Amino acid sequence: MTPIELRKKGYQILVEHLGQVDAIRFLQQAGWGSGDYTQERKETLDKVTREEFWEDLKRIRKTSC
C-alpha cells in the first residue's frame, strides 16, 4: 500500500467510525507536531550503530510475516 493509499484508507475509516465532523475534530487535535524533525532524527540516529539497525530490521521483518 502506498503512503497516499494508506492516508486515504485512514481518512475513510475515521469518517466511517466517527462521522465527518468528529473525524475533522480528531485530525485537528492530532496536529502536525512541532520542533525540528530533521535535527531530532539526526540526534536519535547518531546513537544507533549499523549492527543495531540491522538487528532491528531483522526483528521487524520476523514479526510482520
PDB file of N, CA and C in Angstrom:
ATOM      1  N   MET A   1       0.847  -1.168   0.000  1.00  0.00           N
ATOM      2  CA  MET A   1       0.000   0.000   0.000  1.00  0.00           C
ATOM      3  C   MET A   1       0.897   1.238   0.000  1.00  0.00           C
ATOM      4  N   THR A   2       0.606   2.157  -0.888  1.00  0.00           N
ATOM      5  CA  THR A   2       1.405   3.374  -0.960  1.00  0.00           C
ATOM      6  C   THR A   2       1.020   4.321   0.176  1.00  0.00           C
ATOM      7  N   PRO A   3       1.866   5.292   0.488  1.00  0.00           N
ATOM      8  CA  PRO A   3       1.505   6.263   1.527  1.00  0.00           C
ATOM      9  C   PRO A   3       0.196   6.999   1.237  1.00  0.00           C
ATOM     10  N   ILE A   4      -0.050   7.316  -0.033  1.00  0.00           N
ATOM     11  CA  ILE A   4      -1.297   8.006  -0.392  1.00  0.00           C
ATOM     12  C   ILE A   4      -2.492   7.098  -0.165  1.00  0.00           C
ATOM     13  N   GLU A   5      -2.368   5.825  -0.543  1.00  0.00           N
ATOM     14  CA  GLU A   5      -3.455   4.865  -0.332  1.00  0.00           C
ATOM     15  C   GLU A   5      -3.719   4.674   1.159  1.00  0.00           C
ATOM     16  N   LEU A   6      -2.643   4.598   1.940  1.00  0.00           N
ATOM     17  CA  LEU A   6      -2.784   4.439   3.383  1.00  0.00           C
ATOM     18  C   LEU A   6      -3.513   5.629   3.997  1.00  0.00           C
ATOM     19  N   ARG A   7      -3.127   6.827   3.602  1.00  0.00           N
ATOM     20  CA  ARG A   7      -3.778   8.033   4.122  1.00  0.00           C
ATOM     21  C   ARG A   7      -5.253   8.052   3.737  1.00  0.00           C
ATOM     22  N   LYS A   8      -5.560   7.722   2.494  1.00  0.00           N
ATOM     23  CA  LYS A   8      -6.950   7.717   2.025  1.00  0.00           C
ATOM     24  C   LYS A   8      -7.781   6.702   2.811  1.00  0.00           C
ATOM     25  N   LYS A   9      -7.230   5.518   3.007  1.00  0.00           N
ATOM     26  CA  LYS A   9      -7.938   4.479   3.759  1.00  0.00           C
ATOM     27  C   LYS A   9      -8.140   4.909   5.212  1.00  0.00           C
ATOM     28  N   GLY A  10      -7.119   5.543   5.795  1.00  0.00           N
ATOM     29  CA  GLY A  10      -7.241   6.039   7.164  1.00  0.00           C
ATOM     30  C   GLY A  10      -8.340   7.072   7.298  1.00  0.00           C
ATOM     31  N   TYR A  11      -8.401   8.005   6.355  1.00  0.00           N
ATOM     32  CA  TYR A  11      -9.468   9.013   6.376  1.00  0.00           C
ATOM     33  C   TYR A  11     -10.831   8.354   6.263  1.00  0.00           C
ATOM     34  N   GLN A  12     -10.945   7.389   5.353  1.00  0.00           N
ATOM     35  CA  GLN A  12     -12.226   6.697   5.165  1.00  0.00           C
ATOM     36  C   GLN A  12     -12.673   6.008   6.456  1.00  0.00           C
ATOM     37  N   ILE A  13     -11.753   5.347   7.117  1.00  0.00           N
ATOM     38  CA  ILE A  13     -12.090   4.644   8.361  1.00  0.00           C
ATOM     39  C   ILE A  13     -12.502   5.634   9.441  1.00  0.00           C
ATOM     40  N   LEU A  14     -11.771   6.740   9.556  1.00  0.00           N
ATOM     41  CA  LEU A  14     -12.142   7.761  10.540  1.00  0.00           C
ATOM     42  C   LEU A  14     -13.551   8.274  10.291  1.00  0.00           C
ATOM     43  N   VAL A  15     -13.861   8.599   9.047  1.00  0.00           N
ATOM     44  CA  VAL A  15     -15.183   9.142   8.724  1.00  0.00           C
ATOM     45  C   VAL A  15     -16.262   8.092   8.960  1.00  0.00           C
ATOM     46  N   GLU A  16     -16.000   6.849   8.594  1.00  0.00           N
ATOM     47  CA  GLU A  16     -16.990   5.779   8.797  1.00  0.00           C
ATOM     48  C   GLU A  16     -17.305   5.575  10.273  1.00  0.00           C
ATOM     49  N   HIS A  17     -16.295   5.664  11.117  1.00  0.00           N
ATOM     50  CA  HIS A  17     -16.478   5.364  12.536  1.00  0.00           C
ATOM     51  C   HIS A  17     -16.802   6.578  13.391  1.00  0.00           C
ATOM     52  N   LEU A  18     -16.354   7.755  12.959  1.00  0.00           N
ATOM     53  CA  LEU A  18     -16.573   8.953  13.767  1.00  0.00           C
ATOM     54  C   LEU A  18     -17.572   9.924  13.144  1.00  0.00           C
ATOM     55  N   GLY A  19     -17.798   9.791  11.854  1.00  0.00           N
ATOM     56  CA  GLY A  19     -18.586  10.785  11.139  1.00  0.00           C
ATOM     57  C   GLY A  19     -17.667  11.900  10.682  1.00  0.00           C
ATOM     58  N   GLN A  20     -18.147  12.701   9.735  1.00  0.00           N
ATOM     59  CA  GLN A  20     -17.290  13.726   9.150  1.00  0.00           C
ATOM     60  C   GLN A  20     -16.828  14.762  10.173  1.00  0.00           C
ATOM     61  N   VAL A  21     -17.749  15.258  10.975  1.00  0.00           N
ATOM     62  CA  VAL A  21     -17.415  16.331  11.909  1.00  0.00           C
ATOM     63  C   VAL A  21     -16.399  15.865  12.941  1.00  0.00           C
ATOM     64  N   ASP A  22     -16.643  14.712  13.566  1.00  0.00           N
ATOM     65  CA  ASP A  22     -15.715  14.235  14.594  1.00  0.00           C
ATOM     66  C   ASP A  22     -14.383  13.775  13.999  1.00  0.00           C
ATOM     67  N   ALA A  23     -14.397  13.276  12.757  1.00  0.00           N
ATOM     68  CA  ALA A  23     -13.137  12.914  12.104  1.00  0.00           C
ATOM     69  C   ALA A  23     -12.278  14.164  11.914  1.00  0.00           C
ATOM     70  N   ILE A  24     -12.897  15.261  11.494  1.00  0.00           N
ATOM     71  CA  ILE A  24     -12.163  16.518  11.334  1.00  0.00           C
ATOM     72  C   ILE A  24     -11.666  17.020  12.678  1.00  0.00           C
ATOM     73  N   ARG A  25     -12.498  16.936  13.695  1.00  0.00           N
ATOM     74  CA  ARG A  25     -12.076  17.367  15.036  1.00  0.00           C
ATOM     75  C   ARG A  25     -10.887  16.546  15.512  1.00  0.00           C
ATOM     76  N   PHE A  26     -10.918  15.237  15.278  1.00  0.00           N
ATOM     77  CA  PHE A  26      -9.820  14.371  15.682  1.00  0.00           C
ATOM     78  C   PHE A  26      -8.524  14.782  14.973  1.00  0.00           C
ATOM     79  N   LEU A  27      -8.607  14.997  13.666  1.00  0.00           N
ATOM     80  CA  LEU A  27      -7.412  15.375  12.904  1.00  0.00           C
ATOM     81  C   LEU A  27      -6.859  16.716  13.368  1.00  0.00           C
ATOM     82  N   GLN A  28      -7.737  17.641  13.724  1.00  0.00           N
ATOM     83  CA  GLN A  28      -7.280  18.930  14.223  1.00  0.00           C
ATOM     84  C   GLN A  28      -6.559  18.772  15.559  1.00  0.00           C
ATOM     85  N   GLN A  29      -7.047  17.892  16.413  1.00  0.00           N
ATOM     86  CA  GLN A  29      -6.416  17.673  17.714  1.00  0.00           C
ATOM     87  C   GLN A  29      -5.087  16.958  17.577  1.00  0.00           C
ATOM     88  N   ALA A  30      -4.975  16.072  16.594  1.00  0.00           N
ATOM     89  CA  ALA A  30      -3.744  15.312  16.397  1.00  0.00           C
ATOM     90  C   ALA A  30      -2.598  16.250  16.026  1.00  0.00           C
ATOM     91  N   GLY A  31      -2.889  17.274  15.283  1.00  0.00           N
ATOM     92  CA  GLY A  31      -1.875  18.267  14.930  1.00  0.00           C
ATOM     93  C   GLY A  31      -0.763  17.683  14.087  1.00  0.00           C
ATOM     94  N   TRP A  32       0.184  18.510  13.777  1.00  0.00           N
ATOM     95  CA  TRP A  32       1.296  18.100  12.926  1.00  0.00           C
ATOM     96  C   TRP A  32       2.611  18.068  13.682  1.00  0.00           C
ATOM     97  N   GLY A  33       2.559  18.232  14.982  1.00  0.00           N
ATOM     98  CA  GLY A  33       3.785  18.178  15.760  1.00  0.00           C
ATOM     99  C   GLY A  33       4.494  19.516  15.780  1.00  0.00           C
ATOM    100  N   SER A  34       5.626  19.514  16.422  1.00  0.00           N
ATOM    101  CA  SER A  34       6.408  20.743  16.497  1.00  0.00           C
ATOM    102  C   SER A  34       7.881  20.375  16.632  1.00  0.00           C
ATOM    103  N   GLY A  35       8.718  21.359  16.496  1.00  0.00           N
ATOM    104  CA  GLY A  35      10.141  21.106  16.633  1.00  0.00           C
ATOM    105  C   GLY A  35      10.805  20.895  15.290  1.00  0.00           C
ATOM    106  N   ASP A  36      12.065  20.550  15.349  1.00  0.00           N
ATOM    107  CA  ASP A  36      12.864  20.336  14.149  1.00  0.00           C
ATOM    108  C   ASP A  36      13.049  18.833  13.959  1.00  0.00           C
ATOM    109  N   TYR A  37      12.173  18.243  13.136  1.00  0.00           N
ATOM    110  CA  TYR A  37      12.188  16.800  12.923  1.00  0.00           C
ATOM    111  C   TYR A  37      13.551  16.325  12.424  1.00  0.00           C
ATOM    112  N   THR A  38      14.127  17.066  11.476  1.00  0.00           N
ATOM    113  CA  THR A  38      15.403  16.652  10.887  1.00  0.00           C
ATOM    114  C   THR A  38      16.504  16.593  11.937  1.00  0.00           C
ATOM    115  N   GLN A  39      16.579  17.603  12.773  1.00  0.00           N
ATOM    116  CA  GLN A  39      17.610  17.626  13.810  1.00  0.00           C
ATOM    117  C   GLN A  39      17.367  16.522  14.846  1.00  0.00           C
ATOM    118  N   GLU A  40      16.108  16.345  15.268  1.00  0.00           N
ATOM    119  CA  GLU A  40      15.787  15.302  16.247  1.00  0.00           C
ATOM    120  C   GLU A  40      16.100  13.923  15.695  1.00  0.00           C
ATOM    121  N   ARG A  41      15.798  13.699  14.430  1.00  0.00           N
ATOM    122  CA  ARG A  41      16.068  12.402  13.800  1.00  0.00           C
ATOM    123  C   ARG A  41      17.578  12.155  13.744  1.00  0.00           C
ATOM    124  N   LYS A  42      18.335  13.168  13.356  1.00  0.00           N
ATOM    125  CA  LYS A  42      19.792  13.033  13.286  1.00  0.00           C
ATOM    126  C   LYS A  42      20.369  12.693  14.662  1.00  0.00           C
ATOM    127  N   GLU A  43      19.904  13.388  15.692  1.00  0.00           N
ATOM    128  CA  GLU A  43      20.404  13.134  17.046  1.00  0.00           C
ATOM    129  C   GLU A  43      20.057  11.715  17.499  1.00  0.00           C
ATOM    130  N   THR A  44      18.872  11.256  17.161  1.00  0.00           N
ATOM    131  CA  THR A  44      18.452   9.908  17.548  1.00  0.00           C
ATOM    132  C   THR A  44      19.246   8.850  16.789  1.00  0.00           C
ATOM    133  N   LEU A  45      19.354   9.018  15.483  1.00  0.00           N
ATOM    134  CA  LEU A  45      20.018   8.010  14.662  1.00  0.00           C
ATOM    135  C   LEU A  45      21.527   7.999  14.841  1.00  0.00           C
ATOM    136  N   ASP A  46      22.115   9.104  15.264  1.00  0.00           N
ATOM    137  CA  ASP A  46      23.559   9.129  15.523  1.00  0.00           C
ATOM    138  C   ASP A  46      23.945   8.152  16.627  1.00  0.00           C
ATOM    139  N   LYS A  47      22.998   7.801  17.487  1.00  0.00           N
ATOM    140  CA  LYS A  47      23.265   6.906  18.612  1.00  0.00           C
ATOM    141  C   LYS A  47      23.125   5.435  18.227  1.00  0.00           C
ATOM    142  N   VAL A  48      22.607   5.156  17.042  1.00  0.00           N
ATOM    143  CA  VAL A  48      22.345   3.780  16.614  1.00  0.00           C
ATOM    144  C   VAL A  48      23.497   3.284  15.758  1.00  0.00           C
ATOM    145  N   THR A  49      24.018   2.123  16.121  1.00  0.00           N
ATOM    146  CA  THR A  49      25.089   1.540  15.315  1.00  0.00           C
ATOM    147  C   THR A  49      24.482   0.812  14.113  1.00  0.00           C
ATOM    148  N   ARG A  50      25.307   0.568  13.131  1.00  0.00           N
ATOM    149  CA  ARG A  50      24.848  -0.164  11.949  1.00  0.00           C
ATOM    150  C   ARG A  50      24.349  -1.560  12.343  1.00  0.00           C
ATOM    151  N   GLU A  51      25.046  -2.191  13.267  1.00  0.00           N
ATOM    152  CA  GLU A  51      24.656  -3.532  13.706  1.00  0.00           C
ATOM    153  C   GLU A  51      23.280  -3.498  14.385  1.00  0.00           C
ATOM    154  N   GLU A  52      23.054  -2.497  15.239  1.00  0.00           N
ATOM    155  CA  GLU A  52      21.750  -2.356  15.902  1.00  0.00           C
ATOM    156  C   GLU A  52      20.636  -2.137  14.881  1.00  0.00           C
ATOM    157  N   PHE A  53      20.927  -1.326  13.872  1.00  0.00           N
ATOM    158  CA  PHE A  53      19.949  -1.075  12.826  1.00  0.00           C
ATOM    159  C   PHE A  53      19.548  -2.376  12.138  1.00  0.00           C
ATOM    160  N   TRP A  54      20.531  -3.164  11.718  1.00  0.00           N
ATOM    161  CA  TRP A  54      20.235  -4.411  11.008  1.00  0.00           C
ATOM    162  C   TRP A  54      19.516  -5.417  11.902  1.00  0.00           C
ATOM    163  N   GLU A  55      19.870  -5.487  13.163  1.00  0.00           N
ATOM    164  CA  GLU A  55      19.180  -6.393  14.084  1.00  0.00           C
ATOM    165  C   GLU A  55      17.719  -5.981  14.264  1.00  0.00           C
ATOM    166  N   ASP A  56      17.478  -4.678  14.393  1.00  0.00           N
ATOM    167  CA  ASP A  56      16.099  -4.193  14.497  1.00  0.00           C
ATOM    168  C   ASP A  56      15.314  -4.505  13.234  1.00  0.00           C
ATOM    169  N   LEU A  57      15.938  -4.318  12.085  1.00  0.00           N
ATOM    170  CA  LEU A  57      15.272  -4.602  10.820  1.00  0.00           C
ATOM    171  C   LEU A  57      14.915  -6.084  10.711  1.00  0.00           C
ATOM    172  N   LYS A  58      15.826  -6.958  11.092  1.00  0.00           N
ATOM    173  CA  LYS A  58      15.552  -8.403  11.072  1.00  0.00           C
ATOM    174  C   LYS A  58      14.398  -8.745  12.004  1.00  0.00           C
ATOM    175  N   ARG A  59      14.379  -8.138  13.205  1.00  0.00           N
ATOM    176  CA  ARG A  59      13.318  -8.388  14.175  1.00  0.00           C
ATOM    177  C   ARG A  59      11.968  -7.927  13.637  1.00  0.00           C
ATOM    178  N   ILE A  60      11.937  -6.767  13.027  1.00  0.00           N
ATOM    179  CA  ILE A  60      10.689  -6.230  12.475  1.00  0.00           C
ATOM    180  C   ILE A  60      10.178  -7.104  11.357  1.00  0.00           C
ATOM    181  N   ARG A  61      11.074  -7.551  10.498  1.00  0.00           N
ATOM    182  CA  ARG A  61      10.654  -8.409   9.382  1.00  0.00           C
ATOM    183  C   ARG A  61      10.091  -9.742   9.886  1.00  0.00           C
ATOM    184  N   LYS A  62      10.654 -10.281  10.962  1.00  0.00           N
ATOM    185  CA  LYS A  62      10.159 -11.541  11.510  1.00  0.00           C
ATOM    186  C   LYS A  62       8.744 -11.380  12.067  1.00  0.00           C
ATOM    187  N   THR A  63       8.477 -10.260  12.726  1.00  0.00           N
ATOM    188  CA  THR A  63       7.168 -10.062  13.349  1.00  0.00           C
ATOM    189  C   THR A  63       6.098  -9.665  12.348  1.00  0.00           C
ATOM    190  N   SER A  64       6.490  -9.163  11.163  1.00  0.00           N
ATOM    191  CA  SER A  64       5.482  -8.724  10.186  1.00  0.00           C
ATOM    192  C   SER A  64       5.102  -9.824   9.213  1.00  0.00           C
ATOM    193  N   CYS A  65       5.743 -10.977   9.277  1.00  0.00           N
ATOM    194  CA  CYS A  65       5.442 -12.080   8.356  1.00  0.00           C
ATOM    195  C   CYS A  65       4.341 -12.962   8.861  1.00  0.00           C
TER     196      CYS A  65
END
